[in-house]
Amino acid sequence: MFTETAPTVDNAWGKSHRYDPVAFETASLLETVAIPDMQAKGMLPDRLPTLGEIKANVRVPTSAPAGTGGEDGDGDGSKSDAGRDEVDDPANHAPYNATAVLEYLMTPKEFSIVVKREGGEDEFVPVGSYPLITRRVNGANGWKVCKFQRAGYYHRGSCTTYEVTWNLCAKVRLTDGSWGLDDTYGGHGCSPRGNWDVPERKRIRAPSQGNPPKLSSVRLLGAGHAVLHDGHDPLFAAMNLTGGSLFFAEKAAESSAMATVMLIVGIAMLVPAAILGYPFVRRSLPFGGARGGSRRYRQGRGIERDHFDEVL
């Protein structure tokens, strides 16, 4: 939001505008909407551990000893398949159906914006339907690629991965008195690195034994934040120009780094050329020829002395 006055800037062209990004941000939709709904349906117990209790149960298991097949990732259910940075449910966590919870979180939910008008009717702006968890099953060339590069679960040539929708970000614009989604730059989202898509996802490590991800792991990642931005925010113009880095000297820095690399490579290539060419350069110099002639003269005198000795 631009200020009314534009203060001048010393030693610069033009004027500088100070603005405050106009945005509304909600808490985690998982904590405020999804979990209460599952509790009301009897899918989850009434009492759930806090995030502090969940963080206290994060464990990093040690690798299995050599010869036991540790970290094999073959999905046979052995202890050697134990993943890293896994989250255990606290001891006082009541049991629940993890498969049913996963299916609920993978079901797309409608996301809409409600515009409250004073003395008027509310206006609804539909954004889209998005799940909080996305499961993907793709082929993989071995368990190592699946486990260590994709954080997935490998079984019989397929790799199962899970992604958590940790943020839903959209741009809106007021046009002719009505609010609607802003598709400037090619999408309704907020980041060019995500192709301007509304959902922003993070991959969560798949359980090593093929089980559904635990709810504690999803909660610890912080799923379902929602952010609403004004489409006129110049932040998006800057992100579009810089590819999301907000670093305007990126091309100049890349050119400078490339020039430095080429200079180092050129100097390195000159070293063997200088070593190999030194004898030829030395012979071509005047002092090099004189010294060579003096050596040949001394060698000639030695030959003449040998012949003289033979005659005597």
C-alpha atoms as a PDB file:
ATOM      1  CA  MET A   1       0.000   0.000   0.000  1.00  0.00           C
ATOM      2  CA  PHE A   2       1.717   3.157  -1.195  1.00  0.00           C
ATOM      3  CA  THR A   3       1.954   6.189   1.029  1.00  0.00           C
ATOM      4  CA  GLU A   4       0.402   9.452  -0.088  1.00  0.00           C
ATOM      5  CA  THR A   5       3.715  11.314  -0.133  1.00  0.00           C
ATOM      6  CA  ALA A   6       6.801  10.170  -1.978  1.00  0.00           C
ATOM      7  CA  PRO A   7       9.951  11.263  -0.121  1.00  0.00           C
ATOM      8  CA  THR A   8      12.931  12.148  -2.242  1.00  0.00           C
ATOM      9  CA  VAL A   9      16.124  10.128  -2.090  1.00  0.00           C
ATOM     10  CA  ASP A  10      19.533  11.815  -2.091  1.00  0.00           C
ATOM     11  CA  ASN A  11      22.023  10.844  -4.802  1.00  0.00           C
ATOM     12  CA  ALA A  12      19.415   8.838  -6.726  1.00  0.00           C
ATOM     13  CA  TRP A  13      17.066   9.277  -9.619  1.00  0.00           C
ATOM     14  CA  GLY A  14      13.343   9.226  -9.094  1.00  0.00           C
ATOM     15  CA  LYS A  15      11.463   8.755  -5.871  1.00  0.00           C
ATOM     16  CA  SER A  16      11.115   5.988  -3.318  1.00  0.00           C
ATOM     17  CA  HIS A  17       7.755   4.635  -2.161  1.00  0.00           C
ATOM     18  CA  ARG A  18       7.317   2.813   1.117  1.00  0.00           C
ATOM     19  CA  TYR A  19       4.601   0.207   1.145  1.00  0.00           C
ATOM     20  CA  ASP A  20       3.184  -2.387   3.498  1.00  0.00           C
ATOM     21  CA  PRO A  21       2.081  -5.674   1.867  1.00  0.00           C
ATOM     22  CA  VAL A  22      -1.645  -6.153   2.257  1.00  0.00           C
ATOM     23  CA  ALA A  23      -2.264  -9.765   3.265  1.00  0.00           C
ATOM     24  CA  PHE A  24      -4.458 -11.876   5.489  1.00  0.00           C
ATOM     25  CA  GLU A  25      -3.053 -15.045   7.024  1.00  0.00           C
ATOM     26  CA  THR A  26      -4.909 -17.775   8.845  1.00  0.00           C
ATOM     27  CA  ALA A  27      -3.645 -20.389  11.251  1.00  0.00           C
ATOM     28  CA  SER A  28      -3.158 -23.974  10.182  1.00  0.00           C
ATOM     29  CA  LEU A  29      -6.299 -25.332   8.544  1.00  0.00           C
ATOM     30  CA  LEU A  30      -5.250 -28.738   9.818  1.00  0.00           C
ATOM     31  CA  GLU A  31      -5.431 -27.574  13.425  1.00  0.00           C
ATOM     32  CA  THR A  32      -8.450 -25.281  13.141  1.00  0.00           C
ATOM     33  CA  VAL A  33     -10.657 -27.133  10.642  1.00  0.00           C
ATOM     34  CA  ALA A  34      -9.569 -30.667   9.745  1.00  0.00           C
ATOM     35  CA  ILE A  35      -8.746 -32.038  13.213  1.00  0.00           C
ATOM     36  CA  PRO A  36     -11.912 -30.674  14.887  1.00  0.00           C
ATOM     37  CA  ASP A  37     -13.979 -32.127  12.038  1.00  0.00           C
ATOM     38  CA  MET A  38     -12.362 -35.548  12.450  1.00  0.00           C
ATOM     39  CA  GLN A  39     -12.885 -35.378  16.197  1.00  0.00           C
ATOM     40  CA  ALA A  40     -16.555 -34.578  15.667  1.00  0.00           C
ATOM     41  CA  LYS A  41     -16.855 -37.604  13.377  1.00  0.00           C
ATOM     42  CA  GLY A  42     -15.184 -39.874  15.929  1.00  0.00           C
ATOM     43  CA  MET A  43     -12.083 -40.479  13.790  1.00  0.00           C
ATOM     44  CA  LEU A  44      -9.759 -38.910  16.368  1.00  0.00           C
ATOM     45  CA  PRO A  45      -9.813 -38.848  20.164  1.00  0.00           C
ATOM     46  CA  ASP A  46     -11.024 -35.727  21.912  1.00  0.00           C
ATOM     47  CA  ARG A  47      -7.650 -35.091  23.485  1.00  0.00           C
ATOM     48  CA  LEU A  48      -4.620 -34.763  21.201  1.00  0.00           C
ATOM     49  CA  PRO A  49      -1.027 -34.001  22.239  1.00  0.00           C
ATOM     50  CA  THR A  50       0.286 -30.501  21.809  1.00  0.00           C
ATOM     51  CA  LEU A  51       2.979 -29.622  19.302  1.00  0.00           C
ATOM     52  CA  GLY A  52       5.458 -29.348  22.184  1.00  0.00           C
ATOM     53  CA  GLU A  53       4.727 -32.922  23.221  1.00  0.00           C
ATOM     54  CA  ILE A  54       5.129 -34.065  19.623  1.00  0.00           C
ATOM     55  CA  LYS A  55       8.510 -32.345  19.249  1.00  0.00           C
ATOM     56  CA  ALA A  56       9.720 -34.103  22.391  1.00  0.00           C
ATOM     57  CA  ASN A  57       9.149 -37.448  20.679  1.00  0.00           C
ATOM     58  CA  VAL A  58      11.203 -36.795  17.546  1.00  0.00           C
ATOM     59  CA  ARG A  59      13.778 -39.561  17.293  1.00  0.00           C
ATOM     60  CA  VAL A  60      16.789 -40.157  15.071  1.00  0.00           C
ATOM     61  CA  PRO A  61      17.448 -43.901  15.109  1.00  0.00           C
ATOM     62  CA  THR A  62      20.952 -45.194  14.630  1.00  0.00           C
ATOM     63  CA  SER A  63      21.861 -47.264  11.603  1.00  0.00           C
ATOM     64  CA  ALA A  64      21.883 -51.022  11.896  1.00  0.00           C
ATOM     65  CA  PRO A  65      25.296 -52.695  12.282  1.00  0.00           C
ATOM     66  CA  ALA A  66      27.152 -53.988   9.271  1.00  0.00           C
ATOM     67  CA  GLY A  67      26.016 -57.311   7.928  1.00  0.00           C
ATOM     68  CA  THR A  68      22.407 -56.988   9.080  1.00  0.00           C
ATOM     69  CA  GLY A  69      21.106 -55.301   5.949  1.00  0.00           C
ATOM     70  CA  GLY A  70      20.584 -52.004   7.715  1.00  0.00           C
ATOM     71  CA  GLU A  71      19.038 -49.162   5.731  1.00  0.00           C
ATOM     72  CA  ASP A  72      18.101 -51.613   3.007  1.00  0.00           C
ATOM     73  CA  GLY A  73      14.778 -49.968   2.292  1.00  0.00           C
ATOM     74  CA  ASP A  74      13.339 -53.104   0.792  1.00  0.00           C
ATOM     75  CA  GLY A  75      10.109 -52.675   2.691  1.00  0.00           C
ATOM     76  CA  ASP A  76      10.201 -56.063   4.341  1.00  0.00           C
ATOM     77  CA  GLY A  77       9.162 -54.611   7.670  1.00  0.00           C
ATOM     78  CA  SER A  78      12.489 -55.263   9.382  1.00  0.00           C
ATOM     79  CA  LYS A  79      14.071 -52.886  11.871  1.00  0.00           C
ATOM     80  CA  SER A  80      16.805 -52.227   9.360  1.00  0.00           C
ATOM     81  CA  ASP A  81      14.252 -50.271   7.346  1.00  0.00           C
ATOM     82  CA  ALA A  82      13.864 -47.662  10.088  1.00  0.00           C
ATOM     83  CA  GLY A  83      13.850 -44.166   8.640  1.00  0.00           C
ATOM     84  CA  ARG A  84      15.443 -41.066  10.037  1.00  0.00           C
ATOM     85  CA  ASP A  85      13.796 -38.125  11.775  1.00  0.00           C
ATOM     86  CA  GLU A  86      10.664 -40.141  12.437  1.00  0.00           C
ATOM     87  CA  VAL A  87       8.079 -38.849  14.876  1.00  0.00           C
ATOM     88  CA  ASP A  88       6.511 -41.166  17.430  1.00  0.00           C
ATOM     89  CA  ASP A  89       3.118 -40.413  18.904  1.00  0.00           C
ATOM     90  CA  PRO A  90       3.364 -39.535  22.612  1.00  0.00           C
ATOM     91  CA  ALA A  91       2.693 -42.331  25.076  1.00  0.00           C
ATOM     92  CA  ASN A  92      -0.617 -40.788  26.148  1.00  0.00           C
ATOM     93  CA  HIS A  93      -1.855 -40.544  22.551  1.00  0.00           C
ATOM     94  CA  ALA A  94      -5.129 -42.470  22.226  1.00  0.00           C
ATOM     95  CA  PRO A  95      -5.227 -44.982  19.343  1.00  0.00           C
ATOM     96  CA  TYR A  96      -6.822 -43.968  16.072  1.00  0.00           C
ATOM     97  CA  ASN A  97      -7.271 -45.352  12.566  1.00  0.00           C
ATOM     98  CA  ALA A  98      -4.287 -43.896  10.686  1.00  0.00           C
ATOM     99  CA  THR A  99      -5.561 -45.181   7.328  1.00  0.00           C
ATOM    100  CA  ALA A 100      -8.917 -43.430   7.750  1.00  0.00           C
ATOM    101  CA  VAL A 101      -7.191 -40.207   8.809  1.00  0.00           C
ATOM    102  CA  LEU A 102      -4.928 -40.368   5.761  1.00  0.00           C
ATOM    103  CA  GLU A 103      -7.872 -40.897   3.427  1.00  0.00           C
ATOM    104  CA  TYR A 104      -9.617 -37.907   4.996  1.00  0.00           C
ATOM    105  CA  LEU A 105      -6.563 -35.674   4.537  1.00  0.00           C
ATOM    106  CA  MET A 106      -6.102 -36.851   0.932  1.00  0.00           C
ATOM    107  CA  THR A 107      -9.684 -35.920   0.041  1.00  0.00           C
ATOM    108  CA  PRO A 108      -9.750 -32.494  -1.682  1.00  0.00           C
ATOM    109  CA  LYS A 109     -11.569 -29.792   0.262  1.00  0.00           C
ATOM    110  CA  GLU A 110     -13.124 -26.664  -1.209  1.00  0.00           C
ATOM    111  CA  PHE A 111     -11.232 -23.485  -0.410  1.00  0.00           C
ATOM    112  CA  SER A 112     -13.195 -20.240  -0.732  1.00  0.00           C
ATOM    113  CA  ILE A 113     -12.764 -16.624   0.287  1.00  0.00           C
ATOM    114  CA  VAL A 114     -15.630 -14.914   2.075  1.00  0.00           C
ATOM    115  CA  VAL A 115     -15.820 -11.139   1.618  1.00  0.00           C
ATOM    116  CA  LYS A 116     -17.732  -9.443   4.425  1.00  0.00           C
ATOM    117  CA  ARG A 117     -19.497  -6.244   3.415  1.00  0.00           C
ATOM    118  CA  GLU A 118     -20.974  -3.814   5.889  1.00  0.00           C
ATOM    119  CA  GLY A 119     -24.708  -3.572   5.293  1.00  0.00           C
ATOM    120  CA  GLY A 120     -24.563  -5.900   2.325  1.00  0.00           C
ATOM    121  CA  GLU A 121     -24.495  -9.548   1.392  1.00  0.00           C
ATOM    122  CA  ASP A 122     -21.370 -11.624   1.786  1.00  0.00           C
ATOM    123  CA  GLU A 123     -19.437 -12.403  -1.359  1.00  0.00           C
ATOM    124  CA  PHE A 124     -17.856 -15.811  -1.958  1.00  0.00           C
ATOM    125  CA  VAL A 125     -14.778 -16.172  -4.148  1.00  0.00           C
ATOM    126  CA  PRO A 126     -14.001 -19.849  -4.919  1.00  0.00           C
ATOM    127  CA  VAL A 127     -10.296 -20.635  -5.057  1.00  0.00           C
ATOM    128  CA  GLY A 128     -10.269 -24.371  -5.713  1.00  0.00           C
ATOM    129  CA  SER A 129     -10.259 -27.826  -4.144  1.00  0.00           C
ATOM    130  CA  TYR A 130      -7.012 -29.052  -2.622  1.00  0.00           C
ATOM    131  CA  PRO A 131      -6.058 -31.966  -0.362  1.00  0.00           C
ATOM    132  CA  LEU A 132      -3.855 -31.490   2.669  1.00  0.00           C
ATOM    133  CA  ILE A 133      -1.837 -34.617   1.761  1.00  0.00           C
ATOM    134  CA  THR A 134      -1.016 -35.856  -1.732  1.00  0.00           C
ATOM    135  CA  ARG A 135       0.171 -39.410  -2.329  1.00  0.00           C
ATOM    136  CA  ARG A 136       2.080 -40.270  -5.484  1.00  0.00           C
ATOM    137  CA  VAL A 137       3.189 -43.679  -6.728  1.00  0.00           C
ATOM    138  CA  ASN A 138       5.859 -43.685  -9.439  1.00  0.00           C
ATOM    139  CA  GLY A 139       8.461 -46.075 -10.729  1.00  0.00           C
ATOM    140  CA  ALA A 140      11.987 -45.924  -9.322  1.00  0.00           C
ATOM    141  CA  ASN A 141      15.317 -47.347 -10.403  1.00  0.00           C
ATOM    142  CA  GLY A 142      16.155 -49.002  -7.115  1.00  0.00           C
ATOM    143  CA  TRP A 143      15.371 -48.435  -3.466  1.00  0.00           C
ATOM    144  CA  LYS A 144      18.219 -45.988  -2.921  1.00  0.00           C
ATOM    145  CA  VAL A 145      16.762 -43.462  -5.357  1.00  0.00           C
ATOM    146  CA  CYS A 146      13.340 -43.817  -3.761  1.00  0.00           C
ATOM    147  CA  LYS A 147      14.452 -43.629  -0.151  1.00  0.00           C
ATOM    148  CA  PHE A 148      17.287 -41.120  -0.155  1.00  0.00           C
ATOM    149  CA  GLN A 149      16.365 -38.859  -3.081  1.00  0.00           C
ATOM    150  CA  ARG A 150      12.569 -38.933  -2.909  1.00  0.00           C
ATOM    151  CA  ALA A 151      12.038 -39.744   0.796  1.00  0.00           C
ATOM    152  CA  GLY A 152       9.633 -42.443  -0.303  1.00  0.00           C
ATOM    153  CA  TYR A 153       8.776 -46.079   0.394  1.00  0.00           C
ATOM    154  CA  TYR A 154      10.065 -48.578  -2.151  1.00  0.00           C
ATOM    155  CA  HIS A 155       8.221 -51.794  -2.887  1.00  0.00           C
ATOM    156  CA  ARG A 156       8.474 -54.011  -5.983  1.00  0.00           C
ATOM    157  CA  GLY A 157       9.736 -51.338  -8.348  1.00  0.00           C
ATOM    158  CA  SER A 158       7.378 -48.557  -7.238  1.00  0.00           C
ATOM    159  CA  CYS A 159       8.090 -45.573  -5.020  1.00  0.00           C
ATOM    160  CA  THR A 160       5.341 -44.106  -2.845  1.00  0.00           C
ATOM    161  CA  THR A 161       5.839 -40.504  -1.727  1.00  0.00           C
ATOM    162  CA  TYR A 162       3.733 -38.097   0.354  1.00  0.00           C
ATOM    163  CA  GLU A 163       3.506 -34.334   0.038  1.00  0.00           C
ATOM    164  CA  VAL A 164       1.904 -32.026   2.596  1.00  0.00           C
ATOM    165  CA  THR A 165       0.147 -28.860   1.470  1.00  0.00           C
ATOM    166  CA  TRP A 166       1.797 -26.591   3.987  1.00  0.00           C
ATOM    167  CA  ASN A 167       0.595 -23.313   2.446  1.00  0.00           C
ATOM    168  CA  LEU A 168      -2.283 -22.063   0.313  1.00  0.00           C
ATOM    169  CA  CYS A 169      -1.480 -18.636  -1.105  1.00  0.00           C
ATOM    170  CA  ALA A 170      -3.691 -16.683  -3.496  1.00  0.00           C
ATOM    171  CA  LYS A 171      -3.843 -13.202  -5.028  1.00  0.00           C
ATOM    172  CA  VAL A 172      -7.086 -11.242  -5.281  1.00  0.00           C
ATOM    173  CA  ARG A 173      -8.021  -8.047  -7.085  1.00  0.00           C
ATOM    174  CA  LEU A 174     -10.982  -5.689  -6.880  1.00  0.00           C
ATOM    175  CA  THR A 175     -12.501  -5.186 -10.319  1.00  0.00           C
ATOM    176  CA  ASP A 176     -15.672  -3.176 -10.943  1.00  0.00           C
ATOM    177  CA  GLY A 177     -16.651  -3.459  -7.307  1.00  0.00           C
ATOM    178  CA  SER A 178     -16.258  -7.240  -7.121  1.00  0.00           C
ATOM    179  CA  TRP A 179     -13.427  -9.276  -5.683  1.00  0.00           C
ATOM    180  CA  GLY A 180     -11.908 -12.059  -7.727  1.00  0.00           C
ATOM    181  CA  LEU A 181      -8.736 -14.058  -8.145  1.00  0.00           C
ATOM    182  CA  ASP A 182      -5.805 -12.314  -9.786  1.00  0.00           C
ATOM    183  CA  ASP A 183      -4.159 -14.398 -12.510  1.00  0.00           C
ATOM    184  CA  THR A 184      -1.382 -11.918 -13.259  1.00  0.00           C
ATOM    185  CA  TYR A 185       1.918 -13.547 -14.266  1.00  0.00           C
ATOM    186  CA  GLY A 186       0.135 -16.761 -15.248  1.00  0.00           C
ATOM    187  CA  GLY A 187      -1.583 -18.034 -12.100  1.00  0.00           C
ATOM    188  CA  HIS A 188      -3.490 -17.230  -8.941  1.00  0.00           C
ATOM    189  CA  GLY A 189      -0.610 -18.265  -6.667  1.00  0.00           C
ATOM    190  CA  CYS A 190       2.119 -16.210  -5.043  1.00  0.00           C
ATOM    191  CA  SER A 191       5.448 -17.662  -6.189  1.00  0.00           C
ATOM    192  CA  PRO A 192       7.029 -18.081  -9.625  1.00  0.00           C
ATOM    193  CA  ARG A 193       9.065 -20.989  -8.273  1.00  0.00           C
ATOM    194  CA  GLY A 194       5.795 -22.901  -7.914  1.00  0.00           C
ATOM    195  CA  ASN A 195       4.548 -21.820 -11.349  1.00  0.00           C
ATOM    196  CA  TRP A 196       2.164 -19.414  -9.582  1.00  0.00           C
ATOM    197  CA  ASP A 197       0.073 -22.283  -8.240  1.00  0.00           C
ATOM    198  CA  VAL A 198      -2.050 -21.749  -5.133  1.00  0.00           C
ATOM    199  CA  PRO A 199      -0.897 -24.824  -3.152  1.00  0.00           C
ATOM    200  CA  GLU A 200       2.707 -24.950  -1.961  1.00  0.00           C
ATOM    201  CA  ARG A 201       3.771 -28.448  -0.960  1.00  0.00           C
ATOM    202  CA  LYS A 202       6.556 -30.015   1.059  1.00  0.00           C
ATOM    203  CA  ARG A 203       7.542 -33.657   0.919  1.00  0.00           C
ATOM    204  CA  ILE A 204       7.255 -35.657   4.104  1.00  0.00           C
ATOM    205  CA  ARG A 205       9.285 -38.809   4.704  1.00  0.00           C
ATOM    206  CA  ALA A 206       7.252 -41.912   4.006  1.00  0.00           C
ATOM    207  CA  PRO A 207       7.134 -44.499   6.804  1.00  0.00           C
ATOM    208  CA  SER A 208       9.722 -47.195   6.255  1.00  0.00           C
ATOM    209  CA  GLN A 209       7.287 -50.088   6.561  1.00  0.00           C
ATOM    210  CA  GLY A 210       4.676 -48.807   4.122  1.00  0.00           C
ATOM    211  CA  ASN A 211       2.285 -47.586   6.806  1.00  0.00           C
ATOM    212  CA  PRO A 212       0.364 -44.307   6.449  1.00  0.00           C
ATOM    213  CA  PRO A 213       2.191 -41.224   7.760  1.00  0.00           C
ATOM    214  CA  LYS A 214       1.466 -40.474  11.378  1.00  0.00           C
ATOM    215  CA  LEU A 215      -0.682 -37.489  12.160  1.00  0.00           C
ATOM    216  CA  SER A 216       2.034 -36.205  14.487  1.00  0.00           C
ATOM    217  CA  SER A 217       4.474 -35.959  11.556  1.00  0.00           C
ATOM    218  CA  VAL A 218       1.968 -33.975   9.506  1.00  0.00           C
ATOM    219  CA  ARG A 219       1.171 -31.651  12.402  1.00  0.00           C
ATOM    220  CA  LEU A 220       4.851 -31.066  13.118  1.00  0.00           C
ATOM    221  CA  LEU A 221       5.406 -29.909   9.545  1.00  0.00           C
ATOM    222  CA  GLY A 222       2.635 -27.337   9.903  1.00  0.00           C
ATOM    223  CA  ALA A 223       0.102 -28.106   7.210  1.00  0.00           C
ATOM    224  CA  GLY A 224      -2.619 -25.963   5.728  1.00  0.00           C
ATOM    225  CA  HIS A 225      -1.648 -22.342   6.285  1.00  0.00           C
ATOM    226  CA  ALA A 226      -3.693 -19.958   4.138  1.00  0.00           C
ATOM    227  CA  VAL A 227      -2.476 -16.551   2.946  1.00  0.00           C
ATOM    228  CA  LEU A 228      -4.433 -14.009   0.926  1.00  0.00           C
ATOM    229  CA  HIS A 229      -2.536 -11.221  -0.861  1.00  0.00           C
ATOM    230  CA  ASP A 230      -3.555  -8.094  -2.685  1.00  0.00           C
ATOM    231  CA  GLY A 231      -2.769  -8.528  -6.367  1.00  0.00           C
ATOM    232  CA  HIS A 232      -1.425  -4.954  -6.543  1.00  0.00           C
ATOM    233  CA  ASP A 233       1.362  -5.791  -4.124  1.00  0.00           C
ATOM    234  CA  PRO A 234       4.626  -4.819  -5.907  1.00  0.00           C
ATOM    235  CA  LEU A 235       6.273  -7.750  -4.185  1.00  0.00           C
ATOM    236  CA  PHE A 236       4.911 -10.011  -6.920  1.00  0.00           C
ATOM    237  CA  ALA A 237       6.292  -7.806  -9.671  1.00  0.00           C
ATOM    238  CA  ALA A 238       9.708  -8.049  -8.035  1.00  0.00           C
ATOM    239  CA  MET A 239       9.398 -11.823  -7.654  1.00  0.00           C
ATOM    240  CA  ASN A 240       8.357 -12.163 -11.285  1.00  0.00           C
ATOM    241  CA  LEU A 241      11.370 -10.155 -12.462  1.00  0.00           C
ATOM    242  CA  THR A 242      13.837 -12.105 -10.328  1.00  0.00           C
ATOM    243  CA  GLY A 243      12.340 -15.577 -10.608  1.00  0.00           C
ATOM    244  CA  GLY A 244      11.395 -15.563  -6.943  1.00  0.00           C
ATOM    245  CA  SER A 245      14.873 -14.806  -5.595  1.00  0.00           C
ATOM    246  CA  LEU A 246      14.330 -11.028  -5.075  1.00  0.00           C
ATOM    247  CA  PHE A 247      17.980 -10.606  -6.084  1.00  0.00           C
ATOM    248  CA  PHE A 248      18.099  -8.079  -8.904  1.00  0.00           C
ATOM    249  CA  ALA A 249      21.836  -8.443  -9.540  1.00  0.00           C
ATOM    250  CA  GLU A 250      21.563 -12.175 -10.186  1.00  0.00           C
ATOM    251  CA  LYS A 251      22.503 -11.976 -13.885  1.00  0.00           C
ATOM    252  CA  ALA A 252      25.399  -9.624 -13.179  1.00  0.00           C
ATOM    253  CA  ALA A 253      26.625 -11.860 -10.373  1.00  0.00           C
ATOM    254  CA  GLU A 254      26.365 -14.909 -12.636  1.00  0.00           C
ATOM    255  CA  SER A 255      28.353 -13.157 -15.368  1.00  0.00           C
ATOM    256  CA  SER A 256      30.983 -12.069 -12.862  1.00  0.00           C
ATOM    257  CA  ALA A 257      31.315 -15.592 -11.482  1.00  0.00           C
ATOM    258  CA  MET A 258      31.605 -17.020 -15.003  1.00  0.00           C
ATOM    259  CA  ALA A 259      34.329 -14.487 -15.867  1.00  0.00           C
ATOM    260  CA  THR A 260      36.250 -15.407 -12.719  1.00  0.00           C
ATOM    261  CA  VAL A 261      36.035 -19.104 -13.552  1.00  0.00           C
ATOM    262  CA  MET A 262      37.223 -18.528 -17.120  1.00  0.00           C
ATOM    263  CA  LEU A 263      40.131 -16.406 -15.849  1.00  0.00           C
ATOM    264  CA  ILE A 264      41.234 -19.164 -13.463  1.00  0.00           C
ATOM    265  CA  VAL A 265      40.939 -21.794 -16.203  1.00  0.00           C
ATOM    266  CA  GLY A 266      42.984 -19.617 -18.582  1.00  0.00           C
ATOM    267  CA  ILE A 267      45.745 -19.140 -16.026  1.00  0.00           C
ATOM    268  CA  ALA A 268      45.815 -22.867 -15.313  1.00  0.00           C
ATOM    269  CA  MET A 269      46.175 -23.641 -19.033  1.00  0.00           C
ATOM    270  CA  LEU A 270      49.048 -21.145 -19.378  1.00  0.00           C
ATOM    271  CA  VAL A 271      51.182 -22.965 -16.797  1.00  0.00           C
ATOM    272  CA  PRO A 272      51.993 -26.102 -18.889  1.00  0.00           C
ATOM    273  CA  ALA A 273      52.365 -23.948 -22.007  1.00  0.00           C
ATOM    274  CA  ALA A 274      54.950 -21.780 -20.243  1.00  0.00           C
ATOM    275  CA  ILE A 275      56.853 -24.839 -18.976  1.00  0.00           C
ATOM    276  CA  LEU A 276      56.986 -26.511 -22.407  1.00  0.00           C
ATOM    277  CA  GLY A 277      57.811 -23.309 -24.269  1.00  0.00           C
ATOM    278  CA  TYR A 278      60.583 -22.128 -21.945  1.00  0.00           C
ATOM    279  CA  PRO A 279      63.473 -24.048 -23.675  1.00  0.00           C
ATOM    280  CA  PHE A 280      62.523 -22.699 -27.106  1.00  0.00           C
ATOM    281  CA  VAL A 281      62.242 -19.163 -25.828  1.00  0.00           C
ATOM    282  CA  ARG A 282      65.586 -19.481 -24.053  1.00  0.00           C
ATOM    283  CA  ARG A 283      67.354 -20.607 -27.222  1.00  0.00           C
ATOM    284  CA  SER A 284      65.920 -17.782 -29.241  1.00  0.00           C
ATOM    285  CA  LEU A 285      67.220 -15.105 -26.871  1.00  0.00           C
ATOM    286  CA  PRO A 286      70.676 -13.538 -27.579  1.00  0.00           C
ATOM    287  CA  PHE A 287      72.225 -14.492 -24.255  1.00  0.00           C
ATOM    288  CA  GLY A 288      70.970 -18.050 -24.688  1.00  0.00           C
ATOM    289  CA  GLY A 289      72.746 -18.337 -28.073  1.00  0.00           C
ATOM    290  CA  ALA A 290      76.005 -16.911 -26.709  1.00  0.00           C
ATOM    291  CA  ARG A 291      76.083 -19.332 -23.844  1.00  0.00           C
ATOM    292  CA  GLY A 292      75.326 -22.183 -26.218  1.00  0.00           C
ATOM    293  CA  GLY A 293      78.157 -21.089 -28.536  1.00  0.00           C
ATOM    294  CA  SER A 294      80.605 -20.882 -25.650  1.00  0.00           C
ATOM    295  CA  ARG A 295      79.712 -24.428 -24.612  1.00  0.00           C
ATOM    296  CA  ARG A 296      80.241 -25.709 -28.162  1.00  0.00           C
ATOM    297  CA  TYR A 297      83.590 -23.907 -28.299  1.00  0.00           C
ATOM    298  CA  ARG A 298      84.759 -25.552 -25.088  1.00  0.00           C
ATOM    299  CA  GLN A 299      83.598 -28.911 -26.358  1.00  0.00           C
ATOM    300  CA  GLY A 300      85.544 -28.299 -29.580  1.00  0.00           C
ATOM    301  CA  ARG A 301      88.683 -27.448 -27.708  1.00  0.00           C
ATOM    302  CA  GLY A 302      88.372 -30.680 -25.758  1.00  0.00           C
ATOM    303  CA  ILE A 303      88.070 -32.696 -28.993  1.00  0.00           C
ATOM    304  CA  GLU A 304      91.145 -31.044 -30.445  1.00  0.00           C
ATOM    305  CA  ARG A 305      93.125 -31.836 -27.288  1.00  0.00           C
ATOM    306  CA  ASP A 306      92.151 -35.506 -27.547  1.00  0.00           C
ATOM    307  CA  HIS A 307      93.363 -35.715 -31.098  1.00  0.00           C
ATOM    308  CA  PHE A 308      96.628 -34.032 -30.126  1.00  0.00           C
ATOM    309  CA  ASP A 309      97.180 -36.590 -27.350  1.00  0.00           C
ATOM    310  CA  GLU A 310      96.680 -39.457 -29.778  1.00  0.00           C
ATOM    311  CA  VAL A 311      99.292 -38.012 -32.129  1.00  0.00           C
ATOM    312  CA  LEU A 312     101.802 -37.721 -29.308  1.00  0.00           C
END
